[in-house]
Amino acid sequence: MITVFFDDRCRLCSKEIEHYKKIASNEFNWVPISSDGEYLQKYKIDTADALKLLHVVDNSGAVHRGVDSFIVIWSHLDRWRYLAVIASLPLVRQMLRSLYAVFAEWRFKRLPYCRVFSEK
C-alpha cells in the first residue's frame, strides 16, 4: 500500500488529492495531516515538513518527499505514468524540485496554520 500524507487544510492540495482519489486504484492510503499527525511520527516525518512538502511512503516503506512523491503517485495512475517517466529524467527532476521548493516555501509562509510551525 502506498501512503500519501497531504495537507488537507490547503484547498489546492485537497483538490489535487481528490482528483487522484477519483482515478486511483485501492493501492493508496490517503492520510490527511491535520487529523492523523501520529501516523507521521511512525515514519519520522516532521509535521512542518509534511505541511510544506507532499510525502509518500511507497510499497517498500521508503519515504519520498516533494517531487519524488508526485512521481510515485503518478507512476501508479494510468494516464499519469507518462508524466512520471518525464519527471524522472535527471534534468527535468532537478528543475521540478527547484520549482516545487520555491512554490512550497511560498505556500507554507502564507498559510496561517503553517506559520505556527515555522515559528517553532
PDB file of N, CA and C in Angstrom:
ATOM      1  N   MET A   1       0.840  -1.179   0.000  1.00  0.00           N
ATOM      2  CA  MET A   1       0.000   0.000   0.000  1.00  0.00           C
ATOM      3  C   MET A   1       0.887   1.245   0.000  1.00  0.00           C
ATOM      4  N   ILE A   2       0.537   2.213  -0.825  1.00  0.00           N
ATOM      5  CA  ILE A   2       1.252   3.480  -0.903  1.00  0.00           C
ATOM      6  C   ILE A   2       0.521   4.481  -0.008  1.00  0.00           C
ATOM      7  N   THR A   3       1.233   5.056   0.940  1.00  0.00           N
ATOM      8  CA  THR A   3       0.634   6.019   1.863  1.00  0.00           C
ATOM      9  C   THR A   3       0.997   7.425   1.421  1.00  0.00           C
ATOM     10  N   VAL A   4      -0.020   8.259   1.265  1.00  0.00           N
ATOM     11  CA  VAL A   4       0.168   9.645   0.839  1.00  0.00           C
ATOM     12  C   VAL A   4      -0.257  10.558   1.985  1.00  0.00           C
ATOM     13  N   PHE A   5       0.692  11.330   2.501  1.00  0.00           N
ATOM     14  CA  PHE A   5       0.402  12.315   3.540  1.00  0.00           C
ATOM     15  C   PHE A   5       0.185  13.647   2.848  1.00  0.00           C
ATOM     16  N   PHE A   6      -0.986  14.248   3.040  1.00  0.00           N
ATOM     17  CA  PHE A   6      -1.269  15.504   2.356  1.00  0.00           C
ATOM     18  C   PHE A   6      -1.882  16.522   3.308  1.00  0.00           C
ATOM     19  N   ASP A   7      -1.694  17.782   2.965  1.00  0.00           N
ATOM     20  CA  ASP A   7      -2.217  18.892   3.756  1.00  0.00           C
ATOM     21  C   ASP A   7      -3.686  19.089   3.387  1.00  0.00           C
ATOM     22  N   ASP A   8      -4.561  18.524   4.171  1.00  0.00           N
ATOM     23  CA  ASP A   8      -5.994  18.571   3.893  1.00  0.00           C
ATOM     24  C   ASP A   8      -6.611  19.922   4.209  1.00  0.00           C
ATOM     25  N   ARG A   9      -5.877  20.803   4.841  1.00  0.00           N
ATOM     26  CA  ARG A   9      -6.392  22.146   5.133  1.00  0.00           C
ATOM     27  C   ARG A   9      -6.097  23.108   3.988  1.00  0.00           C
ATOM     28  N   CYS A  10      -5.262  22.710   3.064  1.00  0.00           N
ATOM     29  CA  CYS A  10      -4.918  23.509   1.891  1.00  0.00           C
ATOM     30  C   CYS A  10      -5.904  23.172   0.773  1.00  0.00           C
ATOM     31  N   ARG A  11      -6.614  24.177   0.274  1.00  0.00           N
ATOM     32  CA  ARG A  11      -7.619  23.929  -0.771  1.00  0.00           C
ATOM     33  C   ARG A  11      -7.004  23.350  -2.032  1.00  0.00           C
ATOM     34  N   LEU A  12      -5.875  23.901  -2.444  1.00  0.00           N
ATOM     35  CA  LEU A  12      -5.208  23.416  -3.656  1.00  0.00           C
ATOM     36  C   LEU A  12      -4.770  21.962  -3.490  1.00  0.00           C
ATOM     37  N   CYS A  13      -4.147  21.663  -2.364  1.00  0.00           N
ATOM     38  CA  CYS A  13      -3.674  20.300  -2.094  1.00  0.00           C
ATOM     39  C   CYS A  13      -4.841  19.313  -2.065  1.00  0.00           C
ATOM     40  N   SER A  14      -5.891  19.683  -1.367  1.00  0.00           N
ATOM     41  CA  SER A  14      -7.052  18.806  -1.241  1.00  0.00           C
ATOM     42  C   SER A  14      -7.717  18.562  -2.582  1.00  0.00           C
ATOM     43  N   LYS A  15      -7.793  19.600  -3.390  1.00  0.00           N
ATOM     44  CA  LYS A  15      -8.409  19.458  -4.712  1.00  0.00           C
ATOM     45  C   LYS A  15      -7.607  18.483  -5.575  1.00  0.00           C
ATOM     46  N   GLU A  16      -6.289  18.621  -5.542  1.00  0.00           N
ATOM     47  CA  GLU A  16      -5.438  17.724  -6.317  1.00  0.00           C
ATOM     48  C   GLU A  16      -5.566  16.276  -5.823  1.00  0.00           C
ATOM     49  N   ILE A  17      -5.547  16.085  -4.520  1.00  0.00           N
ATOM     50  CA  ILE A  17      -5.659  14.740  -3.957  1.00  0.00           C
ATOM     51  C   ILE A  17      -7.023  14.141  -4.283  1.00  0.00           C
ATOM     52  N   GLU A  18      -8.076  14.933  -4.234  1.00  0.00           N
ATOM     53  CA  GLU A  18      -9.416  14.441  -4.595  1.00  0.00           C
ATOM     54  C   GLU A  18      -9.434  13.946  -6.032  1.00  0.00           C
ATOM     55  N   HIS A  19      -8.749  14.644  -6.913  1.00  0.00           N
ATOM     56  CA  HIS A  19      -8.653  14.190  -8.305  1.00  0.00           C
ATOM     57  C   HIS A  19      -7.950  12.833  -8.373  1.00  0.00           C
ATOM     58  N   TYR A  20      -6.835  12.716  -7.682  1.00  0.00           N
ATOM     59  CA  TYR A  20      -6.104  11.449  -7.676  1.00  0.00           C
ATOM     60  C   TYR A  20      -6.961  10.326  -7.108  1.00  0.00           C
ATOM     61  N   LYS A  21      -7.686  10.606  -6.043  1.00  0.00           N
ATOM     62  CA  LYS A  21      -8.541   9.590  -5.422  1.00  0.00           C
ATOM     63  C   LYS A  21      -9.568   9.047  -6.411  1.00  0.00           C
ATOM     64  N   LYS A  22     -10.108   9.922  -7.233  1.00  0.00           N
ATOM     65  CA  LYS A  22     -11.131   9.516  -8.193  1.00  0.00           C
ATOM     66  C   LYS A  22     -10.594   8.564  -9.250  1.00  0.00           C
ATOM     67  N   ILE A  23      -9.326   8.730  -9.602  1.00  0.00           N
ATOM     68  CA  ILE A  23      -8.776   7.925 -10.703  1.00  0.00           C
ATOM     69  C   ILE A  23      -7.838   6.813 -10.223  1.00  0.00           C
ATOM     70  N   ALA A  24      -7.566   6.769  -8.931  1.00  0.00           N
ATOM     71  CA  ALA A  24      -6.600   5.804  -8.385  1.00  0.00           C
ATOM     72  C   ALA A  24      -7.266   4.483  -8.031  1.00  0.00           C
ATOM     73  N   SER A  25      -6.425   3.480  -7.983  1.00  0.00           N
ATOM     74  CA  SER A  25      -6.877   2.169  -7.523  1.00  0.00           C
ATOM     75  C   SER A  25      -6.872   2.157  -5.996  1.00  0.00           C
ATOM     76  N   ASN A  26      -7.163   1.018  -5.437  1.00  0.00           N
ATOM     77  CA  ASN A  26      -7.206   0.883  -3.971  1.00  0.00           C
ATOM     78  C   ASN A  26      -5.837   0.698  -3.337  1.00  0.00           C
ATOM     79  N   GLU A  27      -4.775   0.891  -4.097  1.00  0.00           N
ATOM     80  CA  GLU A  27      -3.437   0.680  -3.536  1.00  0.00           C
ATOM     81  C   GLU A  27      -2.912   1.894  -2.777  1.00  0.00           C
ATOM     82  N   PHE A  28      -3.736   2.936  -2.651  1.00  0.00           N
ATOM     83  CA  PHE A  28      -3.336   4.146  -1.951  1.00  0.00           C
ATOM     84  C   PHE A  28      -4.050   4.268  -0.612  1.00  0.00           C
ATOM     85  N   ASN A  29      -3.306   4.760   0.369  1.00  0.00           N
ATOM     86  CA  ASN A  29      -3.855   5.122   1.674  1.00  0.00           C
ATOM     87  C   ASN A  29      -3.648   6.635   1.790  1.00  0.00           C
ATOM     88  N   TRP A  30      -4.733   7.388   1.708  1.00  0.00           N
ATOM     89  CA  TRP A  30      -4.673   8.849   1.721  1.00  0.00           C
ATOM     90  C   TRP A  30      -4.797   9.328   3.169  1.00  0.00           C
ATOM     91  N   VAL A  31      -3.749   9.944   3.696  1.00  0.00           N
ATOM     92  CA  VAL A  31      -3.713  10.337   5.100  1.00  0.00           C
ATOM     93  C   VAL A  31      -3.696  11.864   5.225  1.00  0.00           C
ATOM     94  N   PRO A  32      -4.796  12.445   5.715  1.00  0.00           N
ATOM     95  CA  PRO A  32      -4.811  13.892   5.943  1.00  0.00           C
ATOM     96  C   PRO A  32      -3.961  14.244   7.175  1.00  0.00           C
ATOM     97  N   ILE A  33      -3.066  15.167   7.006  1.00  0.00           N
ATOM     98  CA  ILE A  33      -2.129  15.514   8.074  1.00  0.00           C
ATOM     99  C   ILE A  33      -2.830  16.086   9.301  1.00  0.00           C
ATOM    100  N   SER A  34      -3.849  16.918   9.096  1.00  0.00           N
ATOM    101  CA  SER A  34      -4.468  17.600  10.236  1.00  0.00           C
ATOM    102  C   SER A  34      -5.162  16.653  11.198  1.00  0.00           C
ATOM    103  N   SER A  35      -5.569  15.493  10.724  1.00  0.00           N
ATOM    104  CA  SER A  35      -6.295  14.580  11.604  1.00  0.00           C
ATOM    105  C   SER A  35      -5.502  13.334  11.972  1.00  0.00           C
ATOM    106  N   ASP A  36      -4.300  13.182  11.441  1.00  0.00           N
ATOM    107  CA  ASP A  36      -3.554  11.958  11.712  1.00  0.00           C
ATOM    108  C   ASP A  36      -2.058  12.223  11.855  1.00  0.00           C
ATOM    109  N   GLY A  37      -1.691  13.160  12.730  1.00  0.00           N
ATOM    110  CA  GLY A  37      -0.300  13.509  12.941  1.00  0.00           C
ATOM    111  C   GLY A  37       0.544  12.400  13.533  1.00  0.00           C
ATOM    112  N   GLU A  38      -0.082  11.509  14.301  1.00  0.00           N
ATOM    113  CA  GLU A  38       0.672  10.411  14.918  1.00  0.00           C
ATOM    114  C   GLU A  38       1.232   9.450  13.872  1.00  0.00           C
ATOM    115  N   TYR A  39       0.509   9.310  12.774  1.00  0.00           N
ATOM    116  CA  TYR A  39       0.952   8.424  11.699  1.00  0.00           C
ATOM    117  C   TYR A  39       2.251   8.952  11.079  1.00  0.00           C
ATOM    118  N   LEU A  40       2.411  10.268  11.058  1.00  0.00           N
ATOM    119  CA  LEU A  40       3.653  10.881  10.570  1.00  0.00           C
ATOM    120  C   LEU A  40       4.836  10.441  11.429  1.00  0.00           C
ATOM    121  N   GLN A  41       4.632  10.426  12.736  1.00  0.00           N
ATOM    122  CA  GLN A  41       5.706  10.060  13.668  1.00  0.00           C
ATOM    123  C   GLN A  41       6.205   8.643  13.419  1.00  0.00           C
ATOM    124  N   LYS A  42       5.305   7.769  13.015  1.00  0.00           N
ATOM    125  CA  LYS A  42       5.684   6.385  12.725  1.00  0.00           C
ATOM    126  C   LYS A  42       6.798   6.330  11.677  1.00  0.00           C
ATOM    127  N   TYR A  43       6.765   7.271  10.732  1.00  0.00           N
ATOM    128  CA  TYR A  43       7.768   7.314   9.668  1.00  0.00           C
ATOM    129  C   TYR A  43       8.804   8.416   9.892  1.00  0.00           C
ATOM    130  N   LYS A  44       8.807   8.987  11.106  1.00  0.00           N
ATOM    131  CA  LYS A  44       9.764  10.031  11.476  1.00  0.00           C
ATOM    132  C   LYS A  44       9.697  11.234  10.530  1.00  0.00           C
ATOM    133  N   ILE A  45       8.468  11.631  10.205  1.00  0.00           N
ATOM    134  CA  ILE A  45       8.243  12.790   9.348  1.00  0.00           C
ATOM    135  C   ILE A  45       7.790  13.943  10.235  1.00  0.00           C
ATOM    136  N   ASP A  46       8.503  15.033  10.178  1.00  0.00           N
ATOM    137  CA  ASP A  46       8.173  16.235  10.943  1.00  0.00           C
ATOM    138  C   ASP A  46       6.896  16.870  10.374  1.00  0.00           C
ATOM    139  N   THR A  47       5.992  17.308  11.241  1.00  0.00           N
ATOM    140  CA  THR A  47       4.720  17.881  10.803  1.00  0.00           C
ATOM    141  C   THR A  47       4.931  19.105   9.925  1.00  0.00           C
ATOM    142  N   ALA A  48       5.835  19.986  10.303  1.00  0.00           N
ATOM    143  CA  ALA A  48       6.100  21.182   9.491  1.00  0.00           C
ATOM    144  C   ALA A  48       6.595  20.798   8.107  1.00  0.00           C
ATOM    145  N   ASP A  49       7.474  19.811   8.037  1.00  0.00           N
ATOM    146  CA  ASP A  49       7.986  19.346   6.749  1.00  0.00           C
ATOM    147  C   ASP A  49       6.858  18.728   5.916  1.00  0.00           C
ATOM    148  N   ALA A  50       5.964  17.996   6.571  1.00  0.00           N
ATOM    149  CA  ALA A  50       4.840  17.378   5.875  1.00  0.00           C
ATOM    150  C   ALA A  50       3.856  18.427   5.366  1.00  0.00           C
ATOM    151  N   LEU A  51       3.715  19.526   6.101  1.00  0.00           N
ATOM    152  CA  LEU A  51       2.853  20.616   5.640  1.00  0.00           C
ATOM    153  C   LEU A  51       3.479  21.336   4.450  1.00  0.00           C
ATOM    154  N   LYS A  52       4.786  21.403   4.447  1.00  0.00           N
ATOM    155  CA  LYS A  52       5.482  22.114   3.382  1.00  0.00           C
ATOM    156  C   LYS A  52       5.563  21.285   2.101  1.00  0.00           C
ATOM    157  N   LEU A  53       5.894  20.014   2.228  1.00  0.00           N
ATOM    158  CA  LEU A  53       6.110  19.153   1.063  1.00  0.00           C
ATOM    159  C   LEU A  53       5.238  17.903   1.143  1.00  0.00           C
ATOM    160  N   LEU A  54       4.734  17.490   0.007  1.00  0.00           N
ATOM    161  CA  LEU A  54       3.992  16.237  -0.063  1.00  0.00           C
ATOM    162  C   LEU A  54       4.931  15.087   0.300  1.00  0.00           C
ATOM    163  N   HIS A  55       4.445  14.132   1.093  1.00  0.00           N
ATOM    164  CA  HIS A  55       5.226  12.956   1.481  1.00  0.00           C
ATOM    165  C   HIS A  55       4.470  11.689   1.104  1.00  0.00           C
ATOM    166  N   VAL A  56       5.219  10.702   0.636  1.00  0.00           N
ATOM    167  CA  VAL A  56       4.661   9.404   0.264  1.00  0.00           C
ATOM    168  C   VAL A  56       5.559   8.314   0.820  1.00  0.00           C
ATOM    169  N   VAL A  57       4.936   7.270   1.324  1.00  0.00           N
ATOM    170  CA  VAL A  57       5.664   6.070   1.721  1.00  0.00           C
ATOM    171  C   VAL A  57       5.282   4.993   0.714  1.00  0.00           C
ATOM    172  N   ASP A  58       6.276   4.479  -0.009  1.00  0.00           N
ATOM    173  CA  ASP A  58       5.976   3.508  -1.065  1.00  0.00           C
ATOM    174  C   ASP A  58       5.791   2.099  -0.511  1.00  0.00           C
ATOM    175  N   ASN A  59       5.564   1.165  -1.407  1.00  0.00           N
ATOM    176  CA  ASN A  59       5.292  -0.225  -1.019  1.00  0.00           C
ATOM    177  C   ASN A  59       6.435  -0.874  -0.251  1.00  0.00           C
ATOM    178  N   SER A  60       7.655  -0.384  -0.447  1.00  0.00           N
ATOM    179  CA  SER A  60       8.798  -0.970   0.261  1.00  0.00           C
ATOM    180  C   SER A  60       9.080  -0.264   1.589  1.00  0.00           C
ATOM    181  N   GLY A  61       8.304   0.785   1.900  1.00  0.00           N
ATOM    182  CA  GLY A  61       8.491   1.510   3.152  1.00  0.00           C
ATOM    183  C   GLY A  61       9.404   2.717   3.036  1.00  0.00           C
ATOM    184  N   ALA A  62       9.887   3.009   1.829  1.00  0.00           N
ATOM    185  CA  ALA A  62      10.753   4.177   1.624  1.00  0.00           C
ATOM    186  C   ALA A  62       9.912   5.451   1.613  1.00  0.00           C
ATOM    187  N   VAL A  63      10.440   6.484   2.264  1.00  0.00           N
ATOM    188  CA  VAL A  63       9.754   7.773   2.326  1.00  0.00           C
ATOM    189  C   VAL A  63      10.259   8.657   1.191  1.00  0.00           C
ATOM    190  N   HIS A  64       9.321   9.250   0.449  1.00  0.00           N
ATOM    191  CA  HIS A  64       9.637  10.164  -0.653  1.00  0.00           C
ATOM    192  C   HIS A  64       9.070  11.527  -0.301  1.00  0.00           C
ATOM    193  N   ARG A  65       9.794  12.586  -0.696  1.00  0.00           N
ATOM    194  CA  ARG A  65       9.380  13.956  -0.383  1.00  0.00           C
ATOM    195  C   ARG A  65       9.263  14.768  -1.662  1.00  0.00           C
ATOM    196  N   GLY A  66       8.355  15.729  -1.647  1.00  0.00           N
ATOM    197  CA  GLY A  66       8.252  16.686  -2.741  1.00  0.00           C
ATOM    198  C   GLY A  66       7.957  16.048  -4.080  1.00  0.00           C
ATOM    199  N   VAL A  67       8.711  16.454  -5.086  1.00  0.00           N
ATOM    200  CA  VAL A  67       8.515  15.982  -6.456  1.00  0.00           C
ATOM    201  C   VAL A  67       8.620  14.461  -6.532  1.00  0.00           C
ATOM    202  N   ASP A  68       9.503  13.881  -5.756  1.00  0.00           N
ATOM    203  CA  ASP A  68       9.643  12.422  -5.768  1.00  0.00           C
ATOM    204  C   ASP A  68       8.352  11.742  -5.320  1.00  0.00           C
ATOM    205  N   SER A  69       7.593  12.400  -4.447  1.00  0.00           N
ATOM    206  CA  SER A  69       6.290  11.863  -4.026  1.00  0.00           C
ATOM    207  C   SER A  69       5.309  11.863  -5.182  1.00  0.00           C
ATOM    208  N   PHE A  70       5.296  12.962  -5.928  1.00  0.00           N
ATOM    209  CA  PHE A  70       4.408  13.027  -7.083  1.00  0.00           C
ATOM    210  C   PHE A  70       4.747  11.934  -8.094  1.00  0.00           C
ATOM    211  N   ILE A  71       6.033  11.717  -8.303  1.00  0.00           N
ATOM    212  CA  ILE A  71       6.455  10.686  -9.260  1.00  0.00           C
ATOM    213  C   ILE A  71       5.948   9.315  -8.832  1.00  0.00           C
ATOM    214  N   VAL A  72       6.016   9.014  -7.537  1.00  0.00           N
ATOM    215  CA  VAL A  72       5.496   7.742  -7.033  1.00  0.00           C
ATOM    216  C   VAL A  72       3.998   7.646  -7.311  1.00  0.00           C
ATOM    217  N   ILE A  73       3.264   8.705  -6.995  1.00  0.00           N
ATOM    218  CA  ILE A  73       1.810   8.693  -7.222  1.00  0.00           C
ATOM    219  C   ILE A  73       1.510   8.538  -8.707  1.00  0.00           C
ATOM    220  N   TRP A  74       2.106   9.413  -9.525  1.00  0.00           N
ATOM    221  CA  TRP A  74       1.823   9.402 -10.960  1.00  0.00           C
ATOM    222  C   TRP A  74       2.161   8.063 -11.604  1.00  0.00           C
ATOM    223  N   SER A  75       3.211   7.414 -11.137  1.00  0.00           N
ATOM    224  CA  SER A  75       3.614   6.138 -11.746  1.00  0.00           C
ATOM    225  C   SER A  75       2.592   5.023 -11.494  1.00  0.00           C
ATOM    226  N   HIS A  76       1.641   5.266 -10.591  1.00  0.00           N
ATOM    227  CA  HIS A  76       0.599   4.280 -10.296  1.00  0.00           C
ATOM    228  C   HIS A  76      -0.775   4.700 -10.814  1.00  0.00           C
ATOM    229  N   LEU A  77      -0.814   5.762 -11.604  1.00  0.00           N
ATOM    230  CA  LEU A  77      -2.071   6.236 -12.186  1.00  0.00           C
ATOM    231  C   LEU A  77      -1.999   6.088 -13.700  1.00  0.00           C
ATOM    232  N   ASP A  78      -3.010   5.440 -14.265  1.00  0.00           N
ATOM    233  CA  ASP A  78      -2.989   5.088 -15.688  1.00  0.00           C
ATOM    234  C   ASP A  78      -2.497   6.182 -16.623  1.00  0.00           C
ATOM    235  N   ARG A  79      -3.189   7.264 -16.697  1.00  0.00           N
ATOM    236  CA  ARG A  79      -2.843   8.297 -17.675  1.00  0.00           C
ATOM    237  C   ARG A  79      -1.715   9.215 -17.222  1.00  0.00           C
ATOM    238  N   TRP A  80      -1.247   9.048 -16.016  1.00  0.00           N
ATOM    239  CA  TRP A  80      -0.199   9.901 -15.467  1.00  0.00           C
ATOM    240  C   TRP A  80       1.175   9.242 -15.531  1.00  0.00           C
ATOM    241  N   ARG A  81       1.232   7.981 -15.905  1.00  0.00           N
ATOM    242  CA  ARG A  81       2.514   7.255 -15.932  1.00  0.00           C
ATOM    243  C   ARG A  81       3.543   7.928 -16.835  1.00  0.00           C
ATOM    244  N   TYR A  82       3.069   8.488 -17.957  1.00  0.00           N
ATOM    245  CA  TYR A  82       3.975   9.157 -18.884  1.00  0.00           C
ATOM    246  C   TYR A  82       4.615  10.386 -18.236  1.00  0.00           C
ATOM    247  N   LEU A  83       3.825  11.112 -17.482  1.00  0.00           N
ATOM    248  CA  LEU A  83       4.359  12.278 -16.772  1.00  0.00           C
ATOM    249  C   LEU A  83       5.398  11.843 -15.739  1.00  0.00           C
ATOM    250  N   ALA A  84       5.152  10.715 -15.088  1.00  0.00           N
ATOM    251  CA  ALA A  84       6.118  10.192 -14.115  1.00  0.00           C
ATOM    252  C   ALA A  84       7.444   9.875 -14.786  1.00  0.00           C
ATOM    253  N   VAL A  85       7.383   9.296 -15.981  1.00  0.00           N
ATOM    254  CA  VAL A  85       8.610   8.968 -16.717  1.00  0.00           C
ATOM    255  C   VAL A  85       9.365  10.242 -17.078  1.00  0.00           C
ATOM    256  N   ILE A  86       8.644  11.232 -17.585  1.00  0.00           N
ATOM    257  CA  ILE A  86       9.273  12.505 -17.968  1.00  0.00           C
ATOM    258  C   ILE A  86       9.843  13.211 -16.739  1.00  0.00           C
ATOM    259  N   ALA A  87       9.072  13.259 -15.667  1.00  0.00           N
ATOM    260  CA  ALA A  87       9.520  13.933 -14.437  1.00  0.00           C
ATOM    261  C   ALA A  87      10.709  13.229 -13.800  1.00  0.00           C
ATOM    262  N   SER A  88      10.905  11.963 -14.113  1.00  0.00           N
ATOM    263  CA  SER A  88      12.013  11.192 -13.548  1.00  0.00           C
ATOM    264  C   SER A  88      13.341  11.432 -14.268  1.00  0.00           C
ATOM    265  N   LEU A  89      13.297  12.044 -15.432  1.00  0.00           N
ATOM    266  CA  LEU A  89      14.540  12.332 -16.151  1.00  0.00           C
ATOM    267  C   LEU A  89      15.376  13.292 -15.301  1.00  0.00           C
ATOM    268  N   PRO A  90      16.670  13.041 -15.192  1.00  0.00           N
ATOM    269  CA  PRO A  90      17.510  13.796 -14.251  1.00  0.00           C
ATOM    270  C   PRO A  90      17.379  15.323 -14.341  1.00  0.00           C
ATOM    271  N   LEU A  91      17.489  15.899 -15.512  1.00  0.00           N
ATOM    272  CA  LEU A  91      17.413  17.355 -15.629  1.00  0.00           C
ATOM    273  C   LEU A  91      16.008  17.870 -15.331  1.00  0.00           C
ATOM    274  N   VAL A  92      15.018  17.149 -15.779  1.00  0.00           N
ATOM    275  CA  VAL A  92      13.632  17.545 -15.529  1.00  0.00           C
ATOM    276  C   VAL A  92      13.339  17.448 -14.036  1.00  0.00           C
ATOM    277  N   ARG A  93      13.770  16.363 -13.421  1.00  0.00           N
ATOM    278  CA  ARG A  93      13.540  16.176 -11.982  1.00  0.00           C
ATOM    279  C   ARG A  93      14.184  17.302 -11.171  1.00  0.00           C
ATOM    280  N   GLN A  94      15.407  17.662 -11.519  1.00  0.00           N
ATOM    281  CA  GLN A  94      16.090  18.724 -10.795  1.00  0.00           C
ATOM    282  C   GLN A  94      15.375  20.062 -10.961  1.00  0.00           C
ATOM    283  N   MET A  95      14.921  20.346 -12.170  1.00  0.00           N
ATOM    284  CA  MET A  95      14.186  21.584 -12.418  1.00  0.00           C
ATOM    285  C   MET A  95      12.869  21.588 -11.633  1.00  0.00           C
ATOM    286  N   LEU A  96      12.143  20.467 -11.661  1.00  0.00           N
ATOM    287  CA  LEU A  96      10.882  20.376 -10.929  1.00  0.00           C
ATOM    288  C   LEU A  96      11.099  20.498  -9.419  1.00  0.00           C
ATOM    289  N   ARG A  97      12.161  19.900  -8.917  1.00  0.00           N
ATOM    290  CA  ARG A  97      12.468  20.023  -7.488  1.00  0.00           C
ATOM    291  C   ARG A  97      12.682  21.477  -7.091  1.00  0.00           C
ATOM    292  N   SER A  98      13.421  22.209  -7.917  1.00  0.00           N
ATOM    293  CA  SER A  98      13.677  23.616  -7.626  1.00  0.00           C
ATOM    294  C   SER A  98      12.392  24.430  -7.656  1.00  0.00           C
ATOM    295  N   LEU A  99      11.575  24.230  -8.679  1.00  0.00           N
ATOM    296  CA  LEU A  99      10.310  24.958  -8.795  1.00  0.00           C
ATOM    297  C   LEU A  99       9.367  24.624  -7.649  1.00  0.00           C
ATOM    298  N   TYR A 100       9.275  23.339  -7.321  1.00  0.00           N
ATOM    299  CA  TYR A 100       8.374  22.912  -6.248  1.00  0.00           C
ATOM    300  C   TYR A 100       8.848  23.469  -4.900  1.00  0.00           C
ATOM    301  N   ALA A 101      10.142  23.507  -4.687  1.00  0.00           N
ATOM    302  CA  ALA A 101      10.680  24.039  -3.426  1.00  0.00           C
ATOM    303  C   ALA A 101      10.296  25.506  -3.251  1.00  0.00           C
ATOM    304  N   VAL A 102      10.388  26.278  -4.323  1.00  0.00           N
ATOM    305  CA  VAL A 102      10.009  27.688  -4.262  1.00  0.00           C
ATOM    306  C   VAL A 102       8.514  27.816  -3.984  1.00  0.00           C
ATOM    307  N   PHE A 103       7.710  27.059  -4.726  1.00  0.00           N
ATOM    308  CA  PHE A 103       6.259  27.103  -4.526  1.00  0.00           C
ATOM    309  C   PHE A 103       5.886  26.662  -3.109  1.00  0.00           C
ATOM    310  N   ALA A 104       6.468  25.574  -2.646  1.00  0.00           N
ATOM    311  CA  ALA A 104       6.142  25.019  -1.329  1.00  0.00           C
ATOM    312  C   ALA A 104       6.488  26.016  -0.219  1.00  0.00           C
ATOM    313  N   GLU A 105       7.616  26.669  -0.338  1.00  0.00           N
ATOM    314  CA  GLU A 105       8.023  27.663   0.663  1.00  0.00           C
ATOM    315  C   GLU A 105       7.060  28.850   0.659  1.00  0.00           C
ATOM    316  N   TRP A 106       6.685  29.308  -0.530  1.00  0.00           N
ATOM    317  CA  TRP A 106       5.733  30.422  -0.652  1.00  0.00           C
ATOM    318  C   TRP A 106       4.395  30.056  -0.030  1.00  0.00           C
ATOM    319  N   ARG A 107       3.878  28.869  -0.362  1.00  0.00           N
ATOM    320  CA  ARG A 107       2.584  28.416   0.160  1.00  0.00           C
ATOM    321  C   ARG A 107       2.646  28.267   1.678  1.00  0.00           C
ATOM    322  N   PHE A 108       3.713  27.687   2.168  1.00  0.00           N
ATOM    323  CA  PHE A 108       3.886  27.441   3.605  1.00  0.00           C
ATOM    324  C   PHE A 108       3.886  28.761   4.388  1.00  0.00           C
ATOM    325  N   LYS A 109       4.562  29.768   3.864  1.00  0.00           N
ATOM    326  CA  LYS A 109       4.678  31.046   4.566  1.00  0.00           C
ATOM    327  C   LYS A 109       3.384  31.840   4.573  1.00  0.00           C
ATOM    328  N   ARG A 110       2.501  31.587   3.629  1.00  0.00           N
ATOM    329  CA  ARG A 110       1.291  32.404   3.564  1.00  0.00           C
ATOM    330  C   ARG A 110       0.072  31.779   4.243  1.00  0.00           C
ATOM    331  N   LEU A 111       0.137  30.513   4.612  1.00  0.00           N
ATOM    332  CA  LEU A 111      -0.989  29.872   5.288  1.00  0.00           C
ATOM    333  C   LEU A 111      -0.850  30.038   6.802  1.00  0.00           C
ATOM    334  N   PRO A 112      -1.849  30.599   7.449  1.00  0.00           N
ATOM    335  CA  PRO A 112      -1.745  30.892   8.887  1.00  0.00           C
ATOM    336  C   PRO A 112      -1.413  29.675   9.755  1.00  0.00           C
ATOM    337  N   TYR A 113      -2.010  28.535   9.494  1.00  0.00           N
ATOM    338  CA  TYR A 113      -1.740  27.377  10.331  1.00  0.00           C
ATOM    339  C   TYR A 113      -0.332  26.821  10.112  1.00  0.00           C
ATOM    340  N   CYS A 114       0.271  27.109   8.973  1.00  0.00           N
ATOM    341  CA  CYS A 114       1.657  26.695   8.742  1.00  0.00           C
ATOM    342  C   CYS A 114       2.634  27.613   9.472  1.00  0.00           C
ATOM    343  N   ARG A 115       2.271  28.897   9.580  1.00  0.00           N
ATOM    344  CA  ARG A 115       3.142  29.863  10.256  1.00  0.00           C
ATOM    345  C   ARG A 115       3.444  29.451  11.689  1.00  0.00           C
ATOM    346  N   VAL A 116       2.487  28.795  12.331  1.00  0.00           N
ATOM    347  CA  VAL A 116       2.695  28.329  13.702  1.00  0.00           C
ATOM    348  C   VAL A 116       3.893  27.383  13.752  1.00  0.00           C
ATOM    349  N   PHE A 117       4.003  26.506  12.754  1.00  0.00           N
ATOM    350  CA  PHE A 117       5.107  25.558  12.732  1.00  0.00           C
ATOM    351  C   PHE A 117       6.420  26.206  12.338  1.00  0.00           C
ATOM    352  N   SER A 118       6.367  27.252  11.520  1.00  0.00           N
ATOM    353  CA  SER A 118       7.607  27.907  11.103  1.00  0.00           C
ATOM    354  C   SER A 118       8.214  28.723  12.223  1.00  0.00           C
ATOM    355  N   GLU A 119       7.410  29.073  13.224  1.00  0.00           N
ATOM    356  CA  GLU A 119       7.903  29.860  14.356  1.00  0.00           C
ATOM    357  C   GLU A 119       8.537  28.995  15.434  1.00  0.00           C
ATOM    358  N   LYS A 120       8.364  27.687  15.343  1.00  0.00           N
ATOM    359  CA  LYS A 120       8.901  26.779  16.367  1.00  0.00           C
ATOM    360  C   LYS A 120      10.379  26.591  16.200  1.00  0.00           C
TER     361      LYS A 120
END
